[in-house]
C-alpha atoms as a PDB file:
ATOM      1  CA  UNK A   1       6.787 -13.985 -12.175  1.00  0.00           C
ATOM      2  CA  UNK A   2       5.882 -16.202  -9.271  1.00  0.00           C
ATOM      3  CA  UNK A   3       2.990 -14.827  -7.212  1.00  0.00           C
ATOM      4  CA  UNK A   4       4.534 -14.521  -3.761  1.00  0.00           C
ATOM      5  CA  UNK A   5       2.641 -13.778  -0.566  1.00  0.00           C
ATOM      6  CA  UNK A   6       3.718 -10.127  -0.501  1.00  0.00           C
ATOM      7  CA  UNK A   7       2.654  -9.608  -4.114  1.00  0.00           C
ATOM      8  CA  UNK A   8      -0.749 -11.173  -3.404  1.00  0.00           C
ATOM      9  CA  UNK A   9      -1.158  -8.956  -0.340  1.00  0.00           C
ATOM     10  CA  UNK A  10      -0.197  -5.901  -2.391  1.00  0.00           C
ATOM     11  CA  UNK A  11      -2.804  -6.815  -5.022  1.00  0.00           C
ATOM     12  CA  UNK A  12      -5.490  -7.009  -2.313  1.00  0.00           C
ATOM     13  CA  UNK A  13      -4.382  -3.591  -1.009  1.00  0.00           C
ATOM     14  CA  UNK A  14      -4.442  -2.154  -4.556  1.00  0.00           C
ATOM     15  CA  UNK A  15      -7.992  -3.416  -5.138  1.00  0.00           C
ATOM     16  CA  UNK A  16      -9.174  -1.943  -1.824  1.00  0.00           C
ATOM     17  CA  UNK A  17      -7.456   1.387  -2.524  1.00  0.00           C
ATOM     18  CA  UNK A  18      -8.969   1.552  -6.006  1.00  0.00           C
ATOM     19  CA  UNK A  19     -12.403   0.765  -4.597  1.00  0.00           C
ATOM     20  CA  UNK A  20     -11.975   3.406  -1.885  1.00  0.00           C
ATOM     21  CA  UNK A  21     -11.148   6.015  -4.512  1.00  0.00           C
ATOM     22  CA  UNK A  22     -14.642   5.661  -5.952  1.00  0.00           C
ATOM     23  CA  UNK A  23     -16.072   6.905  -2.633  1.00  0.00           C
ATOM     24  CA  UNK A  24     -19.443   6.391  -1.038  1.00  0.00           C
ATOM     25  CA  UNK A  25     -18.568   3.417   1.175  1.00  0.00           C
ATOM     26  CA  UNK A  26     -19.425   2.746   4.786  1.00  0.00           C
ATOM     27  CA  UNK A  27     -17.118   3.712   7.628  1.00  0.00           C
ATOM     28  CA  UNK A  28     -16.466   0.004   8.181  1.00  0.00           C
ATOM     29  CA  UNK A  29     -15.031  -0.331   4.682  1.00  0.00           C
ATOM     30  CA  UNK A  30     -12.540   2.468   5.314  1.00  0.00           C
ATOM     31  CA  UNK A  31     -11.602   0.881   8.647  1.00  0.00           C
ATOM     32  CA  UNK A  32     -10.964  -2.415   6.853  1.00  0.00           C
ATOM     33  CA  UNK A  33      -8.919  -0.514   4.260  1.00  0.00           C
ATOM     34  CA  UNK A  34      -6.655   0.848   6.989  1.00  0.00           C
ATOM     35  CA  UNK A  35      -6.272  -2.566   8.664  1.00  0.00           C
ATOM     36  CA  UNK A  36      -5.191  -4.097   5.348  1.00  0.00           C
ATOM     37  CA  UNK A  37      -3.098  -1.339   3.743  1.00  0.00           C
ATOM     38  CA  UNK A  38      -1.068  -0.415   6.834  1.00  0.00           C
ATOM     39  CA  UNK A  39       0.405  -3.859   7.569  1.00  0.00           C
ATOM     40  CA  UNK A  40       0.856  -4.654   3.877  1.00  0.00           C
ATOM     41  CA  UNK A  41       2.850  -1.451   3.360  1.00  0.00           C
ATOM     42  CA  UNK A  42       4.799  -1.951   6.601  1.00  0.00           C
ATOM     43  CA  UNK A  43       5.771  -5.499   5.629  1.00  0.00           C
ATOM     44  CA  UNK A  44       6.550  -4.377   2.069  1.00  0.00           C
ATOM     45  CA  UNK A  45       8.841  -1.676   3.508  1.00  0.00           C
ATOM     46  CA  UNK A  46      10.714  -4.343   5.483  1.00  0.00           C
ATOM     47  CA  UNK A  47      10.932  -6.464   2.340  1.00  0.00           C
ATOM     48  CA  UNK A  48      12.301  -3.477   0.407  1.00  0.00           C
ATOM     49  CA  UNK A  49      14.828  -2.906   3.191  1.00  0.00           C
ATOM     50  CA  UNK A  50      16.058  -6.457   2.765  1.00  0.00           C
ATOM     51  CA  UNK A  51      16.410  -5.843  -0.963  1.00  0.00           C
ATOM     52  CA  UNK A  52      18.319  -2.604  -0.302  1.00  0.00           C
ATOM     53  CA  UNK A  53      15.694  -0.378  -1.946  1.00  0.00           C
ATOM     54  CA  UNK A  54      15.973   2.639   0.377  1.00  0.00           C
ATOM     55  CA  UNK A  55      13.598   4.845  -1.609  1.00  0.00           C
ATOM     56  CA  UNK A  56      10.866   2.238  -1.439  1.00  0.00           C
ATOM     57  CA  UNK A  57      11.464   1.749   2.272  1.00  0.00           C
ATOM     58  CA  UNK A  58      10.626   5.426   2.796  1.00  0.00           C
ATOM     59  CA  UNK A  59       7.642   5.496   0.423  1.00  0.00           C
ATOM     60  CA  UNK A  60       6.044   2.351   1.824  1.00  0.00           C
ATOM     61  CA  UNK A  61       6.726   3.424   5.418  1.00  0.00           C
ATOM     62  CA  UNK A  62       4.984   6.750   4.819  1.00  0.00           C
ATOM     63  CA  UNK A  63       2.012   4.920   3.304  1.00  0.00           C
ATOM     64  CA  UNK A  64       1.893   2.588   6.315  1.00  0.00           C
ATOM     65  CA  UNK A  65       1.839   5.581   8.664  1.00  0.00           C
ATOM     66  CA  UNK A  66      -0.762   7.394   6.556  1.00  0.00           C
ATOM     67  CA  UNK A  67      -3.124   4.401   6.664  1.00  0.00           C
ATOM     68  CA  UNK A  68      -2.406   3.587  10.327  1.00  0.00           C
ATOM     69  CA  UNK A  69      -5.658   2.314  11.890  1.00  0.00           C
ATOM     70  CA  UNK A  70      -4.568   2.939  15.494  1.00  0.00           C
ATOM     71  CA  UNK A  71      -3.717   6.642  15.121  1.00  0.00           C
ATOM     72  CA  UNK A  72      -5.702   7.513  11.994  1.00  0.00           C
ATOM     73  CA  UNK A  73      -5.060  10.550   9.855  1.00  0.00           C
ATOM     74  CA  UNK A  74      -8.346  12.423   9.403  1.00  0.00           C
ATOM     75  CA  UNK A  75      -8.726  14.022   5.985  1.00  0.00           C
ATOM     76  CA  UNK A  76     -11.786  14.966   3.989  1.00  0.00           C
ATOM     77  CA  UNK A  77     -13.197  12.633   1.348  1.00  0.00           C
ATOM     78  CA  UNK A  78     -12.113  15.025  -1.412  1.00  0.00           C
ATOM     79  CA  UNK A  79      -8.518  14.631  -0.214  1.00  0.00           C
ATOM     80  CA  UNK A  80      -8.632  10.892   0.512  1.00  0.00           C
ATOM     81  CA  UNK A  81      -9.865   9.907  -2.955  1.00  0.00           C
ATOM     82  CA  UNK A  82      -6.761  11.173  -4.820  1.00  0.00           C
ATOM     83  CA  UNK A  83      -4.540   9.930  -1.971  1.00  0.00           C
ATOM     84  CA  UNK A  84      -6.067   6.459  -2.394  1.00  0.00           C
ATOM     85  CA  UNK A  85      -5.377   6.550  -6.140  1.00  0.00           C
ATOM     86  CA  UNK A  86      -1.789   7.694  -5.669  1.00  0.00           C
ATOM     87  CA  UNK A  87      -1.239   5.035  -2.996  1.00  0.00           C
ATOM     88  CA  UNK A  88      -2.665   2.352  -5.310  1.00  0.00           C
ATOM     89  CA  UNK A  89      -0.321   3.539  -8.062  1.00  0.00           C
ATOM     90  CA  UNK A  90       2.704   3.504  -5.778  1.00  0.00           C
ATOM     91  CA  UNK A  91       1.956   0.025  -4.446  1.00  0.00           C
ATOM     92  CA  UNK A  92       1.427  -1.196  -8.022  1.00  0.00           C
ATOM     93  CA  UNK A  93       4.702   0.351  -9.153  1.00  0.00           C
ATOM     94  CA  UNK A  94       6.483  -1.223  -6.168  1.00  0.00           C
ATOM     95  CA  UNK A  95       5.487  -4.673  -7.438  1.00  0.00           C
ATOM     96  CA  UNK A  96       7.354  -4.016 -10.687  1.00  0.00           C
ATOM     97  CA  UNK A  97      10.388  -2.310  -9.155  1.00  0.00           C
ATOM     98  CA  UNK A  98      10.888  -4.277  -5.949  1.00  0.00           C
ATOM     99  CA  UNK A  99       9.237  -7.670  -6.317  1.00  0.00           C
ATOM    100  CA  UNK A 100       9.831  -8.504  -9.985  1.00  0.00           C
ATOM    101  CA  UNK A 101      13.545  -7.766 -10.177  1.00  0.00           C
ATOM    102  CA  UNK A 102      15.720 -10.691 -11.049  1.00  0.00           C
ATOM    103  CA  UNK A 103      18.594 -11.553  -8.783  1.00  0.00           C
ATOM    104  CA  UNK A 104      22.056 -10.936 -10.170  1.00  0.00           C
ATOM    105  CA  UNK A 105      23.774 -14.178 -11.027  1.00  0.00           C
END
């Protein structure tokens, strides 16, 4: 698999989400998390749209809205930690189901 820009961006988002799930970080870290995860998921949703993966368009769009830094969703830390883990899992799975598929010849 060739490491494309979107896959590299997804890996950065996955690392940040996994780190966030451990908790105990500064507010600035969580702000950075939102500013990275939101655009990565939004762009990945557009990429999935181009690849006609409607389910992934919805999943990644919801993640982009959930991590929106402009109109943030305020949840408690005990809720955010599992959400971060689930989001990291979904973004990871999207690499294998959206980005690694071979084109039909």
